[in-house]
Amino acid sequence: MPRRPLHVTGAAEAPLRAALRALRTELAVPGDFPPAVLAEAEAAAKAPRLPAHDATDLPFVTVDPPASTDLDQALHLARRADGGYRVHYAIADVAAFVAPGSALDAEAHRRVLTLYFPDGKVPLHPAVLSEGAASLLPGEVRPAVLWRIDLDAEGRRVATDVRRALVRSRAKLDYAGVQRQIDSGTAEEPVALLREIGRLREAIEIERGGISLDVPEQEIVEKDHGYDLVYRAPFPSESWNAQISLLTGMAAADLMTAAGTGILRTLDASSSQVGLVNAASYAPFLLVTLLVGVWVDRVRRRPLMITANVGRALLVTAVPLLAVTDLLRIEFVYVAALLIGALTVVFDVAYQSYLPTLIGKEHLVEGNSKLQGTSSLAQIGGPGLAGLLIGWVTAPYALLINGASYLVSVVTLLTIRRPEPPPVVPERPTGLWKSVGDGIRIIWHSAHLRACALQSGLYNFCWMSLQTVFVLYAARRLDLSPGTIGLLLGTGAVGSLGGSLVARSLKRTMGLGPAILAALVLCCAAPVIIPLAPANDGILTLVLFVAAFALIGAGGTMANIHIISLRQSITPDELLGRMNAGYRFVSWGMLPLGALLGGWLGDLIGLRETLFVTAGAFLSAVLVVLLSPVWRLKDFPPQIGAEPGTTEKTAVGS
């Protein structure tokens, strides 16, 4: 809790002070700042990078020891209309003055933190910043990291928001003065609430098993050629103020944990290493998908699927085996993620091309519905089971179960008795790049396939943008826990299961094209519910989020079932692999772009505003289908090229 450094009095030449100076020299504690750092600090003090948001209307105050001038925190406390409290906490924004990679930045990394000694301190930054331009001095407009934390009537957090902002402190208070005002009943509400909120937070600390020791402040006083220790009991206001600081730190920790970034991470790897692992796992979808499509069309598909799953099982199970022998290295994880991603591409393209030969094109909707249904069940139960396994046996060993699941898939594929027809051999050998081009051309020249690919790319672009921003919005603005956010996103799987059960009935009732259009309208209109949901309205907000994600899952799954079936039905068998690969290239290739744009817009215009923009952009996927012949289809049109004198329009209803 509050840091209470020792203080020493006496002349500079006194033995104790001389000994402390010698100790700093022996420990190589940094002394004066280099001239280049001081010059850079002077320049930065005159031209800081100021934030756009202006919060100077909030009457902040600082509470520090009387002699302090490095004022790095200010607060404003208020009651909320619902009986709770709102804490505004401003922290001096050093990043507005210190540029990454600069001499000032390098010196701060060398010093690490401000060191407090009994006879003085060794500052982290030059005084022109720490006690001047960056200090939250009264009456001065300063850049700050502004936290807004809402508490309920018991002092528990219900919402958190953080942003860079301009602030202005109204007064520099000290602990003794604050305590007198509170004890005498003369304190204004923002100061008086320090006791009220502080005591509530102290009770919560005791409840969670925390301990705060109010250690007295000690001063070393030179006396009669010796030294005495003089103690000062801390004021209660010091502990209350420390509780506000701790509250902000805990809010920051939860945000970092939810985002998997910052000092607190869910993995031992750095955030850049985690990013490289994710990039490696998705890179094959862009790098090899089109080539895999050519391969899938030239060989039998079931052996490819079996081989891909055996490879994934070996790679996944290698992680815990290397971990138990202390041989696991991040470089292996990079390679494993890349290879698993490549094998996933092989399996996914092969299975979508294999299904029509297994069940016949007349049963495609039924077959794809069952596949989507089992996938939804896995998404519903998988995350919870994974969490339990990780809790029981730790993450690396839980991967053994994952590896075993691939082997179960291998066994089920081996039990299929229906022979797979041999691949169609072209009359004349075709070059690799011409074969790749054939897959792209069949999509582009077919109005149905082209519209489906474009809508899928647009939809995935918007979905990844929505998911990226929603996680940040839910964690930062609504203060939802990572577990709650995961459950909300997981309700989409419940909707998907429902959609897979009614997809066939929807096609029978409406026809193929109208069923696709209706499903797309459902999943593309539902996202607007998310930003429209009132922030911080407890159960109502959560219910609306659940409804939105469930509707997105239901509509998206129904649309997928019919669109996948349409693609498989009208594409000749010898082109299924290349068509599926080209389609997957467009569809999955938009995912990282959506995440990037969503994050950029979130920083530019705000998280909730970006959710509104993304919700509107979803409708572009519906528009693509409306401008195509897809929505007028009564049933599957003839296979492309099956009847030379027939066009796709013969299967289109009037």
Foldseek 3Di string as FASTA:
>chain_A
DDDFAEAEDDDCPDPVNVVVVVVCVVVVQDDDDDPQQVVLQVVLLVQFQADPAAPAVQAWEFEAAPPDQLAFKIWFKDADPQQWIKIKMWGQDCCRRDPPPDPLNVQLVVNVAWAQHNHGIDHSGDCCQRRHSRGQDAPDWGKTWIKIFIAHNLLHTFWIAIDIYIYHHHYYHYLVVLLVCCVVVNDDPRSVCLVVNLVSLVVVCVVVPHDDDQAWHWYWYDDPNHTDIDTDGDDVSVSSVVSSVVVVVVLVLQLCDLVQADPDHPDPDHPVLVVLLVCLLLVCLQVCLLLLLLVLLQWQLLVLLLVLLLLLLVLLLVQLVCVVVVNDDSVSSNVSSNSNSNSVSNNVLSVLLQVCQQPNLVCLLVVLLVVLLVVLVCLLVVVVVQVVCCVVPNNSVSSNVVSVVSVVVSVVSVPDDDDGDGRDDDPDDDDSVVLSVVLVVVQVVALLSVLVLVLLLLQLLLVLLLLLLVSSCCCRGRVDGSVLNSVLLSLLSVLLNVLSVCLVVLCVVPALQQQLLVLLCQLLQLLQLLLVQDHSPPPSNSVSSSVSSSSNSNSVNSNVSSSSSLLNQQEDSSSSSSNSSSSSNSNSVSNVVSSVVSVVVCVVPNSSVSSNVSSVSSCVSSVSSVVTLRNQARYRFHHVPPDVVDDSCVRGDD
